[in-house]
Amino acid sequence: MSTGAAKRTGEESDSPRAVVAVPGLDVWSGRRVDRHAVPVLLSPEQVCEIVPGLTERTLVEMRARWKVGVRGRKGGPQPIHFTKKAIGYLDTDVAEWVRVCREEPM
């Protein structure tokens, strides 16, 4: 992680909670840093970088659950399908899913 990214998130790179910085989003609180910023679109790879231990295979499984109506912790963040292969996630949806995971028991 670059030092500029660490400064934006307010964490040092050797912190156990250090994550990839997403412009305009505090992943841990789910609040936007800049309220006038346009939501950031994330790729599945970027979502996996933000959420420790999450794999792209798990995201594929979560997208399948989302299609049948599963929401919350097991449904994952809401995917946006542009084409069959082009899939993205809004940073705010990922932050909301992280918040739900924090609040719902396993």
N, C-alpha and C. Protein backbone atom coordinates (compact mmCIF):
# COMPACT_ATOMS: atom_id res chain seq x y z
N MET A 1 0.86 -1.18 0.00
CA MET A 1 0.00 0.00 0.00
C MET A 1 0.90 1.22 0.00
N SER A 2 0.53 2.21 -0.80
CA SER A 2 1.33 3.42 -0.85
C SER A 2 1.09 4.25 0.40
N THR A 3 2.05 5.13 0.69
CA THR A 3 1.90 5.97 1.87
C THR A 3 0.76 6.94 1.72
N GLY A 4 0.47 7.36 0.47
CA GLY A 4 -0.66 8.27 0.25
C GLY A 4 -1.98 7.60 0.61
N ALA A 5 -2.11 6.32 0.27
CA ALA A 5 -3.33 5.57 0.60
C ALA A 5 -3.46 5.40 2.10
N ALA A 6 -2.32 5.16 2.78
CA ALA A 6 -2.37 4.98 4.23
C ALA A 6 -2.79 6.28 4.90
N LYS A 7 -2.35 7.41 4.37
CA LYS A 7 -2.73 8.69 4.95
C LYS A 7 -4.22 8.94 4.78
N ARG A 8 -4.79 8.56 3.62
CA ARG A 8 -6.22 8.77 3.39
C ARG A 8 -7.07 7.96 4.35
N THR A 9 -6.67 6.74 4.65
CA THR A 9 -7.47 5.91 5.53
C THR A 9 -7.15 6.15 7.00
N GLY A 10 -6.04 6.86 7.26
CA GLY A 10 -5.67 7.14 8.64
C GLY A 10 -5.01 5.97 9.33
N GLU A 11 -4.55 4.98 8.57
CA GLU A 11 -3.91 3.81 9.16
C GLU A 11 -2.55 3.62 8.54
N GLU A 12 -1.64 3.05 9.30
CA GLU A 12 -0.33 2.73 8.79
C GLU A 12 -0.39 1.39 8.07
N SER A 13 0.55 1.16 7.15
CA SER A 13 0.53 -0.05 6.34
C SER A 13 0.78 -1.31 7.17
N ASP A 14 1.43 -1.21 8.34
CA ASP A 14 1.68 -2.41 9.14
C ASP A 14 0.54 -2.69 10.13
N SER A 15 -0.53 -1.92 10.06
CA SER A 15 -1.69 -2.12 10.92
C SER A 15 -2.38 -3.41 10.54
N PRO A 16 -2.92 -4.17 11.51
CA PRO A 16 -3.60 -5.42 11.17
C PRO A 16 -4.88 -5.19 10.37
N ARG A 17 -5.46 -3.97 10.41
CA ARG A 17 -6.68 -3.68 9.66
C ARG A 17 -6.40 -2.91 8.39
N ALA A 18 -5.15 -2.80 7.97
CA ALA A 18 -4.83 -2.04 6.77
C ALA A 18 -5.47 -2.71 5.56
N VAL A 19 -6.14 -1.93 4.73
CA VAL A 19 -6.80 -2.44 3.54
C VAL A 19 -6.45 -1.55 2.37
N VAL A 20 -6.84 -1.96 1.19
CA VAL A 20 -6.64 -1.14 0.01
C VAL A 20 -7.57 0.07 0.12
N ALA A 21 -7.02 1.24 -0.06
CA ALA A 21 -7.81 2.46 0.08
C ALA A 21 -8.76 2.62 -1.11
N VAL A 22 -9.99 2.97 -0.83
CA VAL A 22 -10.97 3.27 -1.86
C VAL A 22 -11.27 4.75 -1.75
N PRO A 23 -11.02 5.51 -2.82
CA PRO A 23 -11.24 6.95 -2.75
C PRO A 23 -12.68 7.28 -2.35
N GLY A 24 -12.82 8.15 -1.38
CA GLY A 24 -14.14 8.61 -0.97
C GLY A 24 -14.92 7.67 -0.08
N LEU A 25 -14.28 6.60 0.44
CA LEU A 25 -15.03 5.64 1.23
C LEU A 25 -14.21 5.19 2.44
N ASP A 26 -14.84 5.24 3.60
CA ASP A 26 -14.24 4.65 4.79
C ASP A 26 -14.90 3.29 4.94
N VAL A 27 -14.19 2.23 4.54
CA VAL A 27 -14.75 0.88 4.49
C VAL A 27 -15.25 0.43 5.85
N TRP A 28 -14.56 0.80 6.91
CA TRP A 28 -14.91 0.27 8.23
C TRP A 28 -16.16 0.91 8.81
N SER A 29 -16.42 2.17 8.52
CA SER A 29 -17.63 2.79 9.05
C SER A 29 -18.75 2.82 8.03
N GLY A 30 -18.41 2.63 6.74
CA GLY A 30 -19.42 2.67 5.70
C GLY A 30 -19.86 4.07 5.33
N ARG A 31 -19.15 5.07 5.82
CA ARG A 31 -19.51 6.46 5.54
C ARG A 31 -18.65 7.01 4.42
N ARG A 32 -19.26 7.84 3.61
CA ARG A 32 -18.50 8.52 2.56
C ARG A 32 -17.68 9.65 3.18
N VAL A 33 -16.46 9.76 2.74
CA VAL A 33 -15.59 10.82 3.21
C VAL A 33 -16.00 12.13 2.53
N ASP A 34 -16.29 12.09 1.24
CA ASP A 34 -16.72 13.25 0.49
C ASP A 34 -18.16 12.99 0.04
N ARG A 35 -19.11 13.69 0.62
CA ARG A 35 -20.52 13.43 0.34
C ARG A 35 -20.93 13.78 -1.09
N HIS A 36 -20.13 14.57 -1.79
CA HIS A 36 -20.47 14.96 -3.15
C HIS A 36 -19.76 14.09 -4.18
N ALA A 37 -19.01 13.11 -3.75
CA ALA A 37 -18.29 12.24 -4.67
C ALA A 37 -19.24 11.28 -5.37
N VAL A 38 -18.93 10.98 -6.60
CA VAL A 38 -19.68 9.99 -7.36
C VAL A 38 -19.29 8.62 -6.82
N PRO A 39 -20.26 7.70 -6.62
CA PRO A 39 -19.91 6.37 -6.12
C PRO A 39 -18.85 5.71 -7.01
N VAL A 40 -17.95 5.01 -6.38
CA VAL A 40 -16.85 4.36 -7.08
C VAL A 40 -17.29 2.95 -7.45
N LEU A 41 -17.04 2.56 -8.69
CA LEU A 41 -17.35 1.22 -9.15
C LEU A 41 -16.12 0.34 -8.95
N LEU A 42 -16.29 -0.80 -8.29
CA LEU A 42 -15.20 -1.71 -7.98
C LEU A 42 -15.34 -2.99 -8.79
N SER A 43 -14.22 -3.55 -9.19
CA SER A 43 -14.21 -4.85 -9.86
C SER A 43 -14.25 -5.94 -8.79
N PRO A 44 -14.59 -7.18 -9.16
CA PRO A 44 -14.54 -8.27 -8.17
C PRO A 44 -13.15 -8.41 -7.52
N GLU A 45 -12.10 -8.18 -8.31
CA GLU A 45 -10.74 -8.26 -7.76
C GLU A 45 -10.52 -7.21 -6.68
N GLN A 46 -11.02 -6.00 -6.91
CA GLN A 46 -10.86 -4.92 -5.93
C GLN A 46 -11.66 -5.21 -4.66
N VAL A 47 -12.85 -5.79 -4.80
CA VAL A 47 -13.65 -6.15 -3.62
C VAL A 47 -12.87 -7.17 -2.78
N CYS A 48 -12.24 -8.14 -3.45
CA CYS A 48 -11.46 -9.16 -2.73
C CYS A 48 -10.24 -8.55 -2.04
N GLU A 49 -9.68 -7.50 -2.60
CA GLU A 49 -8.56 -6.81 -1.95
C GLU A 49 -9.02 -6.05 -0.72
N ILE A 50 -10.23 -5.50 -0.76
CA ILE A 50 -10.75 -4.71 0.34
C ILE A 50 -11.14 -5.58 1.53
N VAL A 51 -11.79 -6.72 1.24
CA VAL A 51 -12.29 -7.61 2.30
C VAL A 51 -11.28 -8.73 2.52
N PRO A 52 -10.59 -8.73 3.66
CA PRO A 52 -9.57 -9.76 3.92
C PRO A 52 -10.16 -11.17 3.89
N GLY A 53 -9.51 -12.07 3.16
CA GLY A 53 -9.92 -13.46 3.11
C GLY A 53 -11.00 -13.78 2.09
N LEU A 54 -11.57 -12.78 1.45
CA LEU A 54 -12.63 -13.01 0.45
C LEU A 54 -11.98 -13.38 -0.88
N THR A 55 -12.48 -14.46 -1.50
CA THR A 55 -11.94 -14.89 -2.79
C THR A 55 -12.95 -14.59 -3.90
N GLU A 56 -12.45 -14.57 -5.13
CA GLU A 56 -13.35 -14.34 -6.26
C GLU A 56 -14.35 -15.49 -6.40
N ARG A 57 -13.95 -16.69 -6.05
CA ARG A 57 -14.86 -17.84 -6.10
C ARG A 57 -16.04 -17.62 -5.13
N THR A 58 -15.74 -17.10 -3.94
CA THR A 58 -16.81 -16.82 -2.98
C THR A 58 -17.74 -15.74 -3.51
N LEU A 59 -17.19 -14.73 -4.19
CA LEU A 59 -18.04 -13.69 -4.79
C LEU A 59 -18.97 -14.29 -5.85
N VAL A 60 -18.46 -15.24 -6.64
CA VAL A 60 -19.29 -15.90 -7.64
C VAL A 60 -20.45 -16.62 -6.95
N GLU A 61 -20.16 -17.33 -5.86
CA GLU A 61 -21.20 -18.03 -5.11
C GLU A 61 -22.21 -17.04 -4.52
N MET A 62 -21.73 -15.90 -4.03
CA MET A 62 -22.62 -14.89 -3.48
C MET A 62 -23.53 -14.30 -4.56
N ARG A 63 -22.99 -14.11 -5.77
CA ARG A 63 -23.83 -13.60 -6.87
C ARG A 63 -24.94 -14.58 -7.19
N ALA A 64 -24.65 -15.88 -7.13
CA ALA A 64 -25.68 -16.90 -7.37
C ALA A 64 -26.75 -16.82 -6.28
N ARG A 65 -26.34 -16.62 -5.03
CA ARG A 65 -27.32 -16.50 -3.94
C ARG A 65 -28.15 -15.23 -4.10
N TRP A 66 -27.51 -14.14 -4.57
CA TRP A 66 -28.21 -12.87 -4.74
C TRP A 66 -29.34 -13.04 -5.76
N LYS A 67 -29.09 -13.82 -6.83
CA LYS A 67 -30.09 -14.03 -7.88
C LYS A 67 -31.34 -14.73 -7.36
N VAL A 68 -31.19 -15.58 -6.34
CA VAL A 68 -32.35 -16.30 -5.81
C VAL A 68 -32.95 -15.60 -4.59
N GLY A 69 -32.49 -14.41 -4.29
CA GLY A 69 -33.12 -13.61 -3.25
C GLY A 69 -32.47 -13.60 -1.89
N VAL A 70 -31.30 -14.23 -1.75
CA VAL A 70 -30.61 -14.22 -0.45
C VAL A 70 -29.94 -12.85 -0.28
N ARG A 71 -30.18 -12.20 0.84
CA ARG A 71 -29.58 -10.90 1.11
C ARG A 71 -28.84 -10.96 2.45
N GLY A 72 -28.20 -9.87 2.80
CA GLY A 72 -27.49 -9.82 4.08
C GLY A 72 -26.11 -10.44 3.99
N ARG A 73 -25.66 -10.99 5.09
CA ARG A 73 -24.30 -11.53 5.21
C ARG A 73 -23.99 -12.57 4.12
N LYS A 74 -24.89 -13.52 3.89
CA LYS A 74 -24.61 -14.59 2.94
C LYS A 74 -24.84 -14.18 1.49
N GLY A 75 -25.58 -13.12 1.26
CA GLY A 75 -25.85 -12.68 -0.11
C GLY A 75 -24.74 -11.84 -0.70
N GLY A 76 -23.89 -11.29 0.14
CA GLY A 76 -22.79 -10.47 -0.35
C GLY A 76 -23.25 -9.10 -0.80
N PRO A 77 -22.30 -8.30 -1.30
CA PRO A 77 -22.67 -6.98 -1.81
C PRO A 77 -23.46 -7.11 -3.12
N GLN A 78 -24.34 -6.17 -3.39
CA GLN A 78 -25.17 -6.24 -4.59
C GLN A 78 -24.31 -6.07 -5.84
N PRO A 79 -24.34 -7.06 -6.74
CA PRO A 79 -23.57 -6.94 -7.98
C PRO A 79 -24.32 -6.11 -9.02
N ILE A 80 -23.57 -5.51 -9.92
CA ILE A 80 -24.13 -4.80 -11.06
C ILE A 80 -23.63 -5.54 -12.30
N HIS A 81 -24.56 -6.09 -13.07
CA HIS A 81 -24.21 -6.84 -14.27
C HIS A 81 -24.34 -5.94 -15.49
N PHE A 82 -23.21 -5.63 -16.12
CA PHE A 82 -23.22 -4.85 -17.35
C PHE A 82 -23.39 -5.78 -18.55
N THR A 83 -22.68 -6.90 -18.51
CA THR A 83 -22.82 -8.00 -19.46
C THR A 83 -22.66 -9.27 -18.64
N LYS A 84 -22.65 -10.44 -19.31
CA LYS A 84 -22.47 -11.69 -18.56
C LYS A 84 -21.13 -11.72 -17.82
N LYS A 85 -20.10 -11.14 -18.45
CA LYS A 85 -18.77 -11.20 -17.86
C LYS A 85 -18.34 -9.90 -17.17
N ALA A 86 -18.97 -8.80 -17.50
CA ALA A 86 -18.61 -7.50 -16.90
C ALA A 86 -19.50 -7.24 -15.69
N ILE A 87 -18.90 -7.41 -14.51
CA ILE A 87 -19.64 -7.27 -13.25
C ILE A 87 -18.89 -6.28 -12.38
N GLY A 88 -19.63 -5.41 -11.70
CA GLY A 88 -19.03 -4.45 -10.80
C GLY A 88 -19.82 -4.33 -9.52
N TYR A 89 -19.26 -3.61 -8.57
CA TYR A 89 -19.89 -3.38 -7.27
C TYR A 89 -19.71 -1.92 -6.90
N LEU A 90 -20.75 -1.28 -6.40
CA LEU A 90 -20.60 0.08 -5.90
C LEU A 90 -19.87 0.03 -4.56
N ASP A 91 -18.98 0.98 -4.35
CA ASP A 91 -18.24 1.02 -3.09
C ASP A 91 -19.18 1.14 -1.89
N THR A 92 -20.29 1.85 -2.07
CA THR A 92 -21.24 2.01 -0.97
C THR A 92 -21.94 0.70 -0.64
N ASP A 93 -22.20 -0.14 -1.66
CA ASP A 93 -22.82 -1.45 -1.41
C ASP A 93 -21.85 -2.37 -0.67
N VAL A 94 -20.58 -2.31 -1.04
CA VAL A 94 -19.58 -3.12 -0.34
C VAL A 94 -19.48 -2.67 1.12
N ALA A 95 -19.46 -1.36 1.35
CA ALA A 95 -19.38 -0.84 2.72
C ALA A 95 -20.61 -1.24 3.53
N GLU A 96 -21.79 -1.22 2.91
CA GLU A 96 -23.02 -1.63 3.60
C GLU A 96 -22.95 -3.11 3.96
N TRP A 97 -22.45 -3.94 3.05
CA TRP A 97 -22.31 -5.37 3.32
C TRP A 97 -21.33 -5.61 4.47
N VAL A 98 -20.23 -4.87 4.50
CA VAL A 98 -19.27 -4.99 5.61
C VAL A 98 -19.96 -4.63 6.92
N ARG A 99 -20.78 -3.58 6.91
CA ARG A 99 -21.52 -3.18 8.12
C ARG A 99 -22.47 -4.28 8.56
N VAL A 100 -23.19 -4.89 7.63
CA VAL A 100 -24.11 -5.97 7.96
C VAL A 100 -23.36 -7.15 8.55
N CYS A 101 -22.22 -7.48 7.98
CA CYS A 101 -21.40 -8.60 8.49
C CYS A 101 -20.93 -8.33 9.92
N ARG A 102 -20.65 -7.07 10.20
CA ARG A 102 -20.21 -6.70 11.54
C ARG A 102 -21.34 -6.83 12.54
N GLU A 103 -22.57 -6.55 12.11
CA GLU A 103 -23.70 -6.53 13.03
C GLU A 103 -24.42 -7.87 13.16
N GLU A 104 -24.45 -8.67 12.09
CA GLU A 104 -25.15 -9.97 12.14
C GLU A 104 -24.22 -11.04 12.71
N PRO A 105 -24.73 -11.87 13.62
CA PRO A 105 -23.90 -12.97 14.11
C PRO A 105 -23.72 -14.01 13.01
N MET A 106 -22.64 -14.78 13.11
CA MET A 106 -22.37 -15.82 12.10
C MET A 106 -23.35 -16.95 12.20
